[in-house]
Amino acid sequence: MPQKNKRSKVFSALEVANICGVVNQTAINWIKAGHLKAYKTPGGQFRVTPENLAEFMEKRGSEIPESLKTILREKQIPNEKTLLIVDDDKVLNTLIKKYIEKNFENIKLYQAYDGFEAGTIMTKVKPGFVILDLDLPGVDGFSLCKKIKSDLMFGNPYIVVVTALKEPNLSQKVLDLGSNYFLTKPLSMEQIGAIVNQWINMKTNI
């Protein structure tokens, strides 16, 4: 790869072809047909961003190479001072928000009340910490947790799952989905505070 700075890396049509195992003209045809998003340089050459290439490969069912995954991870660094609370219980959602505001400085807080709203905020903000209820309208917390942890665009945020659901092996299920912590309702604000503090210290010591 000609560029050393992976954060600004874009791919030529030839590089796309090499990654996908096709000839250069095939990659150009994909671009011209609108299947693969690209832009043109002032010199008329096609350029493809890592995000657009990964999206294209996922749609085709192609395996994304580790080199591309690494570039995406480095580009999608979550905002470590941003926390998203996802819970359709607006009273509890606001209580958590007020508690964190009172006890922690310099953390920007966002609130979502359903899975769709959470997904929109995740895409725009890329919070470093997510408090996630499982029983949500729209996209449920199980699906959302799996999506956040498996999709490179979100940057692998710290996730604390909270729920009032009672199911066998539920804690292990959500941990297997990628959650970092599992809490049952009713919640202890002090416990949430301890986890947030642990997360802050962990990031400070890296």
N, C-alpha and C. Protein backbone atom coordinates (compact mmCIF):
# COMPACT_ATOMS: atom_id res chain seq x y z
N MET A 1 0.85 -1.19 0.00
CA MET A 1 0.00 0.00 0.00
C MET A 1 0.88 1.24 0.00
N PRO A 2 0.65 2.15 -0.92
CA PRO A 2 1.57 3.26 -1.07
C PRO A 2 1.56 4.25 0.06
N GLN A 3 0.46 4.42 0.76
CA GLN A 3 0.39 5.41 1.81
C GLN A 3 0.67 4.79 3.16
N LYS A 4 1.48 5.48 3.95
CA LYS A 4 1.80 4.98 5.28
C LYS A 4 0.76 5.39 6.30
N ASN A 5 0.10 6.51 6.08
CA ASN A 5 -0.89 6.99 7.02
C ASN A 5 -2.22 6.29 6.77
N LYS A 6 -2.52 5.27 7.56
CA LYS A 6 -3.71 4.48 7.33
C LYS A 6 -4.99 5.26 7.58
N ARG A 7 -4.91 6.32 8.38
CA ARG A 7 -6.12 7.08 8.67
C ARG A 7 -6.62 7.81 7.42
N SER A 8 -5.71 8.17 6.49
CA SER A 8 -6.12 8.88 5.30
C SER A 8 -6.12 7.97 4.08
N LYS A 9 -5.98 6.67 4.27
CA LYS A 9 -5.86 5.73 3.19
C LYS A 9 -7.12 5.67 2.35
N VAL A 10 -6.93 5.73 1.03
CA VAL A 10 -7.99 5.42 0.08
C VAL A 10 -7.38 4.48 -0.96
N PHE A 11 -8.24 3.76 -1.66
CA PHE A 11 -7.77 2.74 -2.59
C PHE A 11 -8.00 3.16 -4.03
N SER A 12 -7.03 2.88 -4.89
CA SER A 12 -7.22 3.03 -6.33
C SER A 12 -8.02 1.85 -6.84
N ALA A 13 -8.48 1.94 -8.07
CA ALA A 13 -9.23 0.83 -8.65
C ALA A 13 -8.36 -0.42 -8.72
N LEU A 14 -7.07 -0.23 -9.00
CA LEU A 14 -6.17 -1.38 -9.07
C LEU A 14 -6.01 -2.04 -7.70
N GLU A 15 -5.91 -1.24 -6.65
CA GLU A 15 -5.80 -1.81 -5.30
C GLU A 15 -7.08 -2.53 -4.91
N VAL A 16 -8.22 -1.97 -5.28
CA VAL A 16 -9.51 -2.65 -5.04
C VAL A 16 -9.52 -3.99 -5.75
N ALA A 17 -9.07 -4.00 -7.00
CA ALA A 17 -9.04 -5.23 -7.76
C ALA A 17 -8.16 -6.28 -7.10
N ASN A 18 -6.99 -5.85 -6.61
CA ASN A 18 -6.07 -6.79 -5.95
C ASN A 18 -6.67 -7.37 -4.68
N ILE A 19 -7.35 -6.51 -3.92
CA ILE A 19 -7.96 -6.96 -2.67
C ILE A 19 -9.10 -7.96 -2.94
N CYS A 20 -9.87 -7.69 -3.99
CA CYS A 20 -11.03 -8.52 -4.30
C CYS A 20 -10.69 -9.71 -5.21
N GLY A 21 -9.45 -9.76 -5.68
CA GLY A 21 -9.05 -10.88 -6.51
C GLY A 21 -9.61 -10.86 -7.91
N VAL A 22 -9.74 -9.66 -8.48
CA VAL A 22 -10.26 -9.52 -9.84
C VAL A 22 -9.30 -8.65 -10.65
N VAL A 23 -9.56 -8.51 -11.93
CA VAL A 23 -8.74 -7.63 -12.76
C VAL A 23 -9.18 -6.19 -12.57
N ASN A 24 -8.30 -5.28 -12.95
CA ASN A 24 -8.54 -3.85 -12.76
C ASN A 24 -9.83 -3.39 -13.42
N GLN A 25 -10.11 -3.87 -14.63
CA GLN A 25 -11.29 -3.42 -15.36
C GLN A 25 -12.58 -3.81 -14.65
N THR A 26 -12.56 -4.96 -13.96
CA THR A 26 -13.75 -5.39 -13.23
C THR A 26 -14.07 -4.40 -12.10
N ALA A 27 -13.04 -3.97 -11.38
CA ALA A 27 -13.25 -2.98 -10.31
C ALA A 27 -13.79 -1.68 -10.89
N ILE A 28 -13.24 -1.25 -12.04
CA ILE A 28 -13.73 -0.03 -12.69
C ILE A 28 -15.19 -0.19 -13.11
N ASN A 29 -15.53 -1.36 -13.61
CA ASN A 29 -16.92 -1.61 -14.02
C ASN A 29 -17.86 -1.55 -12.82
N TRP A 30 -17.42 -2.10 -11.67
CA TRP A 30 -18.24 -2.01 -10.46
C TRP A 30 -18.53 -0.56 -10.10
N ILE A 31 -17.49 0.26 -10.20
CA ILE A 31 -17.62 1.68 -9.85
C ILE A 31 -18.54 2.39 -10.83
N LYS A 32 -18.33 2.17 -12.12
CA LYS A 32 -19.13 2.85 -13.14
C LYS A 32 -20.60 2.43 -13.08
N ALA A 33 -20.85 1.19 -12.67
CA ALA A 33 -22.22 0.70 -12.58
C ALA A 33 -22.92 1.14 -11.29
N GLY A 34 -22.16 1.76 -10.39
CA GLY A 34 -22.74 2.24 -9.14
C GLY A 34 -22.80 1.20 -8.04
N HIS A 35 -22.21 0.04 -8.27
CA HIS A 35 -22.21 -1.00 -7.24
C HIS A 35 -21.22 -0.68 -6.12
N LEU A 36 -20.12 -0.06 -6.48
CA LEU A 36 -19.08 0.31 -5.53
C LEU A 36 -18.93 1.82 -5.53
N LYS A 37 -19.17 2.44 -4.38
CA LYS A 37 -19.08 3.90 -4.27
C LYS A 37 -17.63 4.36 -4.41
N ALA A 38 -17.43 5.42 -5.16
CA ALA A 38 -16.08 5.94 -5.37
C ALA A 38 -16.17 7.42 -5.74
N TYR A 39 -15.04 8.10 -5.71
CA TYR A 39 -14.99 9.48 -6.19
C TYR A 39 -13.79 9.60 -7.12
N LYS A 40 -13.74 10.70 -7.85
CA LYS A 40 -12.66 10.91 -8.80
C LYS A 40 -11.70 11.97 -8.28
N THR A 41 -10.42 11.74 -8.53
CA THR A 41 -9.40 12.74 -8.23
C THR A 41 -9.44 13.82 -9.32
N PRO A 42 -8.77 14.97 -9.08
CA PRO A 42 -8.71 15.99 -10.14
C PRO A 42 -8.14 15.43 -11.46
N GLY A 43 -7.33 14.38 -11.36
CA GLY A 43 -6.76 13.78 -12.55
C GLY A 43 -7.66 12.74 -13.20
N GLY A 44 -8.84 12.53 -12.64
CA GLY A 44 -9.80 11.61 -13.24
C GLY A 44 -9.67 10.16 -12.79
N GLN A 45 -8.86 9.90 -11.75
CA GLN A 45 -8.68 8.54 -11.25
C GLN A 45 -9.71 8.23 -10.17
N PHE A 46 -10.19 7.00 -10.17
CA PHE A 46 -11.15 6.59 -9.15
C PHE A 46 -10.44 6.33 -7.82
N ARG A 47 -11.10 6.70 -6.73
CA ARG A 47 -10.61 6.40 -5.38
C ARG A 47 -11.77 5.89 -4.54
N VAL A 48 -11.49 4.87 -3.74
CA VAL A 48 -12.51 4.21 -2.91
C VAL A 48 -12.08 4.25 -1.46
N THR A 49 -12.97 4.69 -0.57
CA THR A 49 -12.64 4.73 0.85
C THR A 49 -12.70 3.33 1.45
N PRO A 50 -11.98 3.09 2.55
CA PRO A 50 -12.05 1.78 3.21
C PRO A 50 -13.48 1.41 3.62
N GLU A 51 -14.26 2.40 4.08
CA GLU A 51 -15.63 2.12 4.51
C GLU A 51 -16.48 1.63 3.34
N ASN A 52 -16.36 2.30 2.19
CA ASN A 52 -17.16 1.91 1.04
C ASN A 52 -16.73 0.56 0.48
N LEU A 53 -15.43 0.28 0.52
CA LEU A 53 -14.96 -1.01 0.05
C LEU A 53 -15.46 -2.13 0.96
N ALA A 54 -15.38 -1.91 2.28
CA ALA A 54 -15.84 -2.93 3.23
C ALA A 54 -17.34 -3.18 3.07
N GLU A 55 -18.12 -2.11 2.89
CA GLU A 55 -19.57 -2.25 2.70
C GLU A 55 -19.85 -3.06 1.43
N PHE A 56 -19.13 -2.77 0.37
CA PHE A 56 -19.31 -3.49 -0.90
C PHE A 56 -18.98 -4.97 -0.74
N MET A 57 -17.88 -5.26 -0.06
CA MET A 57 -17.47 -6.65 0.12
C MET A 57 -18.45 -7.42 0.99
N GLU A 58 -18.98 -6.75 2.02
CA GLU A 58 -19.98 -7.40 2.88
C GLU A 58 -21.23 -7.75 2.09
N LYS A 59 -21.67 -6.85 1.23
CA LYS A 59 -22.87 -7.10 0.43
C LYS A 59 -22.66 -8.26 -0.54
N ARG A 60 -21.43 -8.42 -1.01
CA ARG A 60 -21.11 -9.50 -1.94
C ARG A 60 -20.84 -10.81 -1.22
N GLY A 61 -20.75 -10.75 0.12
CA GLY A 61 -20.44 -11.94 0.88
C GLY A 61 -18.98 -12.31 0.86
N SER A 62 -18.13 -11.33 0.53
CA SER A 62 -16.69 -11.57 0.48
C SER A 62 -16.06 -11.38 1.86
N GLU A 63 -15.02 -12.12 2.14
CA GLU A 63 -14.32 -11.98 3.41
C GLU A 63 -13.44 -10.73 3.38
N ILE A 64 -13.57 -9.91 4.41
CA ILE A 64 -12.78 -8.69 4.49
C ILE A 64 -11.39 -9.03 5.02
N PRO A 65 -10.33 -8.68 4.30
CA PRO A 65 -8.98 -9.02 4.75
C PRO A 65 -8.58 -8.27 6.01
N GLU A 66 -7.67 -8.84 6.78
CA GLU A 66 -7.25 -8.24 8.04
C GLU A 66 -6.64 -6.85 7.83
N SER A 67 -5.95 -6.65 6.72
CA SER A 67 -5.34 -5.34 6.46
C SER A 67 -6.40 -4.24 6.37
N LEU A 68 -7.54 -4.56 5.74
CA LEU A 68 -8.62 -3.60 5.63
C LEU A 68 -9.31 -3.41 6.98
N LYS A 69 -9.48 -4.49 7.73
CA LYS A 69 -10.07 -4.39 9.06
C LYS A 69 -9.22 -3.49 9.96
N THR A 70 -7.91 -3.61 9.86
CA THR A 70 -7.02 -2.79 10.67
C THR A 70 -7.18 -1.31 10.35
N ILE A 71 -7.25 -1.00 9.06
CA ILE A 71 -7.45 0.39 8.64
C ILE A 71 -8.77 0.94 9.20
N LEU A 72 -9.81 0.14 9.11
CA LEU A 72 -11.12 0.58 9.60
C LEU A 72 -11.12 0.79 11.10
N ARG A 73 -10.47 -0.11 11.84
CA ARG A 73 -10.41 0.05 13.29
C ARG A 73 -9.69 1.34 13.67
N GLU A 74 -8.62 1.65 12.98
CA GLU A 74 -7.85 2.85 13.30
C GLU A 74 -8.59 4.12 12.92
N LYS A 75 -9.41 4.04 11.87
CA LYS A 75 -10.19 5.20 11.46
C LYS A 75 -11.38 5.44 12.39
N GLN A 76 -11.95 4.34 12.91
CA GLN A 76 -13.18 4.45 13.68
C GLN A 76 -12.90 4.38 15.18
N ILE A 77 -12.11 5.29 15.67
CA ILE A 77 -11.84 5.34 17.10
C ILE A 77 -13.03 5.96 17.81
N PRO A 78 -13.63 5.26 18.78
CA PRO A 78 -14.81 5.83 19.44
C PRO A 78 -14.46 7.07 20.25
N ASN A 79 -15.45 7.91 20.44
CA ASN A 79 -15.27 9.11 21.24
C ASN A 79 -15.27 8.70 22.72
N GLU A 80 -14.08 8.64 23.31
CA GLU A 80 -13.93 8.09 24.65
C GLU A 80 -14.59 8.94 25.74
N LYS A 81 -14.95 10.17 25.43
CA LYS A 81 -15.59 11.03 26.43
C LYS A 81 -17.08 11.16 26.17
N THR A 82 -17.64 10.22 25.42
CA THR A 82 -19.05 10.26 25.09
C THR A 82 -19.73 8.98 25.53
N LEU A 83 -20.90 9.11 26.16
CA LEU A 83 -21.64 7.98 26.70
C LEU A 83 -23.08 8.03 26.21
N LEU A 84 -23.58 6.90 25.75
CA LEU A 84 -24.95 6.80 25.27
C LEU A 84 -25.76 5.90 26.19
N ILE A 85 -26.92 6.39 26.61
CA ILE A 85 -27.85 5.61 27.43
C ILE A 85 -29.03 5.20 26.57
N VAL A 86 -29.25 3.89 26.44
CA VAL A 86 -30.33 3.38 25.59
C VAL A 86 -31.31 2.61 26.46
N ASP A 87 -32.48 3.23 26.71
CA ASP A 87 -33.52 2.58 27.52
C ASP A 87 -34.84 3.27 27.22
N ASP A 88 -35.88 2.48 26.94
CA ASP A 88 -37.17 3.07 26.62
C ASP A 88 -37.91 3.57 27.86
N ASP A 89 -37.42 3.21 29.04
CA ASP A 89 -37.95 3.76 30.29
C ASP A 89 -37.34 5.16 30.46
N LYS A 90 -38.10 6.18 30.08
CA LYS A 90 -37.55 7.54 30.05
C LYS A 90 -37.18 8.05 31.43
N VAL A 91 -37.91 7.60 32.45
CA VAL A 91 -37.60 8.03 33.81
C VAL A 91 -36.24 7.48 34.23
N LEU A 92 -36.04 6.19 34.04
CA LEU A 92 -34.77 5.57 34.40
C LEU A 92 -33.64 6.11 33.54
N ASN A 93 -33.89 6.29 32.28
CA ASN A 93 -32.90 6.84 31.36
C ASN A 93 -32.39 8.19 31.87
N THR A 94 -33.33 9.03 32.28
CA THR A 94 -32.97 10.36 32.76
C THR A 94 -32.27 10.30 34.12
N LEU A 95 -32.69 9.36 34.98
CA LEU A 95 -32.03 9.20 36.28
C LEU A 95 -30.55 8.83 36.10
N ILE A 96 -30.29 7.92 35.17
CA ILE A 96 -28.90 7.53 34.90
C ILE A 96 -28.12 8.73 34.37
N LYS A 97 -28.72 9.46 33.45
CA LYS A 97 -28.07 10.64 32.87
C LYS A 97 -27.71 11.66 33.95
N LYS A 98 -28.67 11.96 34.83
CA LYS A 98 -28.43 12.95 35.88
C LYS A 98 -27.36 12.49 36.86
N TYR A 99 -27.36 11.18 37.16
CA TYR A 99 -26.36 10.65 38.09
C TYR A 99 -24.96 10.79 37.50
N ILE A 100 -24.81 10.44 36.24
CA ILE A 100 -23.49 10.53 35.61
C ILE A 100 -23.06 11.99 35.47
N GLU A 101 -24.00 12.86 35.12
CA GLU A 101 -23.69 14.30 35.02
C GLU A 101 -23.18 14.84 36.35
N LYS A 102 -23.79 14.39 37.43
CA LYS A 102 -23.44 14.88 38.75
C LYS A 102 -22.09 14.38 39.23
N ASN A 103 -21.74 13.16 38.84
CA ASN A 103 -20.56 12.52 39.41
C ASN A 103 -19.34 12.47 38.49
N PHE A 104 -19.53 12.79 37.21
CA PHE A 104 -18.41 12.73 36.27
C PHE A 104 -18.37 13.98 35.39
N GLU A 105 -17.20 14.58 35.33
CA GLU A 105 -17.04 15.76 34.50
C GLU A 105 -16.54 15.37 33.10
N ASN A 106 -16.84 16.24 32.16
CA ASN A 106 -16.29 16.11 30.80
C ASN A 106 -16.75 14.87 30.04
N ILE A 107 -17.88 14.28 30.43
CA ILE A 107 -18.46 13.20 29.65
C ILE A 107 -19.72 13.74 28.97
N LYS A 108 -19.74 13.69 27.66
CA LYS A 108 -20.91 14.16 26.92
C LYS A 108 -21.92 13.02 26.84
N LEU A 109 -23.14 13.30 27.23
CA LEU A 109 -24.17 12.26 27.34
C LEU A 109 -25.20 12.38 26.23
N TYR A 110 -25.60 11.22 25.72
CA TYR A 110 -26.68 11.13 24.74
C TYR A 110 -27.70 10.13 25.26
N GLN A 111 -28.97 10.32 24.86
CA GLN A 111 -30.04 9.42 25.27
C GLN A 111 -30.79 8.91 24.04
N ALA A 112 -31.13 7.63 24.08
CA ALA A 112 -31.97 7.04 23.04
C ALA A 112 -33.03 6.19 23.72
N TYR A 113 -34.23 6.15 23.13
CA TYR A 113 -35.35 5.46 23.76
C TYR A 113 -35.84 4.24 22.97
N ASP A 114 -35.18 3.96 21.86
CA ASP A 114 -35.48 2.73 21.11
C ASP A 114 -34.25 2.35 20.30
N GLY A 115 -34.28 1.15 19.71
CA GLY A 115 -33.12 0.65 19.01
C GLY A 115 -32.75 1.44 17.77
N PHE A 116 -33.76 1.93 17.04
CA PHE A 116 -33.50 2.69 15.83
C PHE A 116 -32.80 4.01 16.15
N GLU A 117 -33.29 4.70 17.16
CA GLU A 117 -32.68 5.96 17.58
C GLU A 117 -31.25 5.72 18.06
N ALA A 118 -31.05 4.63 18.78
CA ALA A 118 -29.71 4.29 19.27
C ALA A 118 -28.76 4.06 18.11
N GLY A 119 -29.22 3.34 17.09
CA GLY A 119 -28.37 3.08 15.93
C GLY A 119 -27.97 4.35 15.21
N THR A 120 -28.90 5.28 15.10
CA THR A 120 -28.60 6.56 14.45
C THR A 120 -27.55 7.34 15.22
N ILE A 121 -27.69 7.39 16.54
CA ILE A 121 -26.73 8.10 17.37
C ILE A 121 -25.37 7.42 17.33
N MET A 122 -25.38 6.08 17.37
CA MET A 122 -24.12 5.33 17.31
C MET A 122 -23.36 5.66 16.05
N THR A 123 -24.06 5.74 14.93
CA THR A 123 -23.41 6.02 13.65
C THR A 123 -22.82 7.43 13.61
N LYS A 124 -23.55 8.40 14.15
CA LYS A 124 -23.11 9.79 14.09
C LYS A 124 -22.05 10.11 15.13
N VAL A 125 -22.22 9.59 16.34
CA VAL A 125 -21.40 10.02 17.47
C VAL A 125 -20.26 9.06 17.76
N LYS A 126 -20.49 7.76 17.60
CA LYS A 126 -19.54 6.71 17.96
C LYS A 126 -19.10 6.84 19.43
N PRO A 127 -20.04 6.71 20.36
CA PRO A 127 -19.69 6.85 21.78
C PRO A 127 -18.73 5.76 22.23
N GLY A 128 -17.93 6.09 23.23
CA GLY A 128 -16.99 5.12 23.77
C GLY A 128 -17.62 4.20 24.80
N PHE A 129 -18.80 4.56 25.32
CA PHE A 129 -19.46 3.79 26.38
C PHE A 129 -20.95 3.77 26.08
N VAL A 130 -21.57 2.59 26.20
CA VAL A 130 -23.01 2.46 25.94
C VAL A 130 -23.66 1.68 27.08
N ILE A 131 -24.70 2.27 27.67
CA ILE A 131 -25.55 1.57 28.62
C ILE A 131 -26.78 1.12 27.84
N LEU A 132 -26.97 -0.18 27.72
CA LEU A 132 -27.93 -0.72 26.76
C LEU A 132 -28.97 -1.63 27.40
N ASP A 133 -30.23 -1.21 27.33
CA ASP A 133 -31.34 -2.07 27.77
C ASP A 133 -31.59 -3.12 26.69
N LEU A 134 -32.03 -4.32 27.09
CA LEU A 134 -32.28 -5.38 26.12
C LEU A 134 -33.68 -5.32 25.52
N ASP A 135 -34.67 -5.01 26.34
CA ASP A 135 -36.07 -5.04 25.91
C ASP A 135 -36.45 -3.68 25.34
N LEU A 136 -36.14 -3.47 24.06
CA LEU A 136 -36.37 -2.18 23.42
C LEU A 136 -37.37 -2.30 22.28
N PRO A 137 -38.15 -1.23 22.03
CA PRO A 137 -38.98 -1.22 20.82
C PRO A 137 -38.09 -1.02 19.59
N GLY A 138 -38.58 -1.46 18.46
CA GLY A 138 -37.77 -1.34 17.25
C GLY A 138 -36.75 -2.46 17.20
N VAL A 139 -35.48 -2.09 17.15
CA VAL A 139 -34.39 -3.05 17.18
C VAL A 139 -34.13 -3.41 18.64
N ASP A 140 -34.19 -4.71 18.99
CA ASP A 140 -34.00 -5.08 20.40
C ASP A 140 -32.52 -4.99 20.79
N GLY A 141 -32.29 -5.00 22.09
CA GLY A 141 -30.94 -4.84 22.61
C GLY A 141 -29.99 -5.95 22.23
N PHE A 142 -30.51 -7.16 22.06
CA PHE A 142 -29.66 -8.28 21.65
C PHE A 142 -29.05 -8.00 20.28
N SER A 143 -29.91 -7.63 19.34
CA SER A 143 -29.46 -7.36 17.97
C SER A 143 -28.53 -6.16 17.94
N LEU A 144 -28.87 -5.15 18.73
CA LEU A 144 -28.07 -3.93 18.75
C LEU A 144 -26.68 -4.19 19.32
N CYS A 145 -26.62 -4.96 20.39
CA CYS A 145 -25.33 -5.29 21.00
C CYS A 145 -24.44 -6.04 20.00
N LYS A 146 -25.03 -7.02 19.34
CA LYS A 146 -24.28 -7.81 18.36
C LYS A 146 -23.79 -6.93 17.22
N LYS A 147 -24.65 -6.03 16.74
CA LYS A 147 -24.30 -5.14 15.64
C LYS A 147 -23.18 -4.20 16.03
N ILE A 148 -23.27 -3.61 17.20
CA ILE A 148 -22.26 -2.66 17.64
C ILE A 148 -20.90 -3.32 17.77
N LYS A 149 -20.89 -4.52 18.30
CA LYS A 149 -19.62 -5.21 18.54
C LYS A 149 -19.03 -5.84 17.29
N SER A 150 -19.88 -6.17 16.32
CA SER A 150 -19.37 -6.86 15.13
C SER A 150 -19.06 -5.91 13.98
N ASP A 151 -19.67 -4.72 14.00
CA ASP A 151 -19.47 -3.78 12.90
C ASP A 151 -18.30 -2.86 13.22
N LEU A 152 -17.29 -2.87 12.38
CA LEU A 152 -16.07 -2.09 12.62
C LEU A 152 -16.32 -0.59 12.68
N MET A 153 -17.40 -0.13 12.05
CA MET A 153 -17.63 1.31 11.99
C MET A 153 -17.90 1.93 13.37
N PHE A 154 -18.29 1.11 14.36
CA PHE A 154 -18.61 1.65 15.67
C PHE A 154 -17.39 1.72 16.60
N GLY A 155 -16.28 1.12 16.21
CA GLY A 155 -15.05 1.27 16.97
C GLY A 155 -14.97 0.51 18.27
N ASN A 156 -15.82 -0.50 18.47
CA ASN A 156 -15.74 -1.37 19.65
C ASN A 156 -15.89 -0.61 20.97
N PRO A 157 -17.03 0.05 21.22
CA PRO A 157 -17.24 0.75 22.48
C PRO A 157 -17.44 -0.22 23.64
N TYR A 158 -17.32 0.30 24.84
CA TYR A 158 -17.57 -0.47 26.08
C TYR A 158 -19.08 -0.53 26.27
N ILE A 159 -19.64 -1.72 26.43
CA ILE A 159 -21.09 -1.88 26.55
C ILE A 159 -21.47 -2.50 27.89
N VAL A 160 -22.39 -1.83 28.60
CA VAL A 160 -22.99 -2.37 29.81
C VAL A 160 -24.45 -2.67 29.52
N VAL A 161 -24.81 -3.94 29.53
CA VAL A 161 -26.19 -4.33 29.28
C VAL A 161 -26.97 -4.30 30.59
N VAL A 162 -28.16 -3.70 30.55
CA VAL A 162 -29.03 -3.66 31.73
C VAL A 162 -30.39 -4.23 31.32
N THR A 163 -31.01 -5.01 32.20
CA THR A 163 -32.29 -5.62 31.82
C THR A 163 -33.09 -6.08 33.03
N ALA A 164 -34.41 -6.13 32.83
CA ALA A 164 -35.30 -6.72 33.82
C ALA A 164 -35.76 -8.11 33.37
N LEU A 165 -35.28 -8.55 32.21
CA LEU A 165 -35.66 -9.86 31.69
C LEU A 165 -35.10 -10.98 32.57
N LYS A 166 -35.86 -12.05 32.68
CA LYS A 166 -35.42 -13.20 33.45
C LYS A 166 -35.39 -14.41 32.52
N GLU A 167 -34.21 -14.78 32.10
CA GLU A 167 -34.04 -15.93 31.21
C GLU A 167 -32.84 -16.75 31.67
N PRO A 168 -32.89 -18.06 31.48
CA PRO A 168 -31.74 -18.89 31.83
C PRO A 168 -30.50 -18.50 31.01
N ASN A 169 -29.36 -18.39 31.68
CA ASN A 169 -28.09 -18.11 31.02
C ASN A 169 -28.08 -16.78 30.26
N LEU A 170 -28.92 -15.85 30.68
CA LEU A 170 -29.02 -14.58 29.96
C LEU A 170 -27.72 -13.79 30.02
N SER A 171 -27.09 -13.78 31.19
CA SER A 171 -25.84 -13.02 31.31
C SER A 171 -24.77 -13.54 30.37
N GLN A 172 -24.66 -14.87 30.28
CA GLN A 172 -23.66 -15.45 29.38
C GLN A 172 -24.00 -15.16 27.93
N LYS A 173 -25.28 -15.13 27.62
CA LYS A 173 -25.73 -14.87 26.25
C LYS A 173 -25.28 -13.49 25.78
N VAL A 174 -25.50 -12.49 26.63
CA VAL A 174 -25.13 -11.13 26.22
C VAL A 174 -23.62 -10.91 26.26
N LEU A 175 -22.95 -11.60 27.16
CA LEU A 175 -21.48 -11.51 27.18
C LEU A 175 -20.91 -12.13 25.91
N ASP A 176 -21.54 -13.20 25.44
CA ASP A 176 -21.10 -13.83 24.19
C ASP A 176 -21.33 -12.91 23.00
N LEU A 177 -22.31 -12.03 23.11
CA LEU A 177 -22.57 -11.07 22.04
C LEU A 177 -21.56 -9.93 22.03
N GLY A 178 -20.76 -9.84 23.09
CA GLY A 178 -19.73 -8.81 23.14
C GLY A 178 -19.88 -7.79 24.25
N SER A 179 -20.96 -7.92 25.05
CA SER A 179 -21.13 -6.99 26.16
C SER A 179 -19.98 -7.12 27.16
N ASN A 180 -19.58 -5.98 27.73
CA ASN A 180 -18.51 -5.99 28.73
C ASN A 180 -19.02 -6.20 30.14
N TYR A 181 -20.30 -5.88 30.37
CA TYR A 181 -20.88 -5.99 31.71
C TYR A 181 -22.35 -6.31 31.60
N PHE A 182 -22.87 -6.99 32.60
CA PHE A 182 -24.29 -7.35 32.62
C PHE A 182 -24.87 -6.98 33.97
N LEU A 183 -25.93 -6.14 33.97
CA LEU A 183 -26.58 -5.72 35.20
C LEU A 183 -28.07 -6.00 35.11
N THR A 184 -28.66 -6.39 36.24
CA THR A 184 -30.10 -6.62 36.28
C THR A 184 -30.80 -5.47 37.00
N LYS A 185 -32.02 -5.19 36.57
CA LYS A 185 -32.83 -4.17 37.21
C LYS A 185 -33.55 -4.76 38.41
N PRO A 186 -33.84 -3.96 39.44
CA PRO A 186 -33.57 -2.52 39.56
C PRO A 186 -32.07 -2.23 39.68
N LEU A 187 -31.67 -1.11 39.09
CA LEU A 187 -30.25 -0.77 39.01
C LEU A 187 -29.77 -0.02 40.24
N SER A 188 -28.54 -0.21 40.54
CA SER A 188 -27.86 0.57 41.56
C SER A 188 -27.05 1.65 40.85
N MET A 189 -27.37 2.92 41.10
CA MET A 189 -26.63 4.01 40.48
C MET A 189 -25.16 3.97 40.88
N GLU A 190 -24.91 3.56 42.12
CA GLU A 190 -23.53 3.48 42.59
C GLU A 190 -22.74 2.43 41.81
N GLN A 191 -23.41 1.34 41.46
CA GLN A 191 -22.73 0.30 40.69
C GLN A 191 -22.43 0.79 39.28
N ILE A 192 -23.38 1.49 38.69
CA ILE A 192 -23.13 2.07 37.37
C ILE A 192 -21.97 3.06 37.45
N GLY A 193 -21.97 3.87 38.50
CA GLY A 193 -20.89 4.83 38.68
C GLY A 193 -19.54 4.15 38.80
N ALA A 194 -19.50 3.03 39.52
CA ALA A 194 -18.24 2.30 39.69
C ALA A 194 -17.74 1.76 38.35
N ILE A 195 -18.66 1.29 37.51
CA ILE A 195 -18.27 0.76 36.21
C ILE A 195 -17.77 1.88 35.30
N VAL A 196 -18.46 3.01 35.31
CA VAL A 196 -18.02 4.16 34.51
C VAL A 196 -16.64 4.61 34.97
N ASN A 197 -16.44 4.67 36.27
CA ASN A 197 -15.15 5.08 36.81
C ASN A 197 -14.04 4.10 36.40
N GLN A 198 -14.37 2.82 36.44
CA GLN A 198 -13.42 1.78 36.02
C GLN A 198 -13.04 1.97 34.55
N TRP A 199 -14.04 2.26 33.73
CA TRP A 199 -13.82 2.48 32.30
C TRP A 199 -12.91 3.70 32.07
N ILE A 200 -13.18 4.78 32.81
CA ILE A 200 -12.37 5.99 32.68
C ILE A 200 -10.93 5.71 33.05
N ASN A 201 -10.72 4.99 34.17
CA ASN A 201 -9.36 4.68 34.61
C ASN A 201 -8.66 3.76 33.61
N MET A 202 -9.41 2.83 33.05
CA MET A 202 -8.84 1.91 32.07
C MET A 202 -8.33 2.67 30.85
N LYS A 203 -9.10 3.65 30.39
CA LYS A 203 -8.69 4.43 29.22
C LYS A 203 -7.53 5.35 29.56
N THR A 204 -7.51 5.85 30.78
CA THR A 204 -6.44 6.75 31.19
C THR A 204 -5.11 6.02 31.26
N ASN A 205 -5.16 4.74 31.63
CA ASN A 205 -3.92 3.99 31.82
C ASN A 205 -3.39 3.33 30.57
N ILE A 206 -4.16 3.43 29.47
CA ILE A 206 -3.70 2.81 28.22
C ILE A 206 -2.59 3.65 27.60
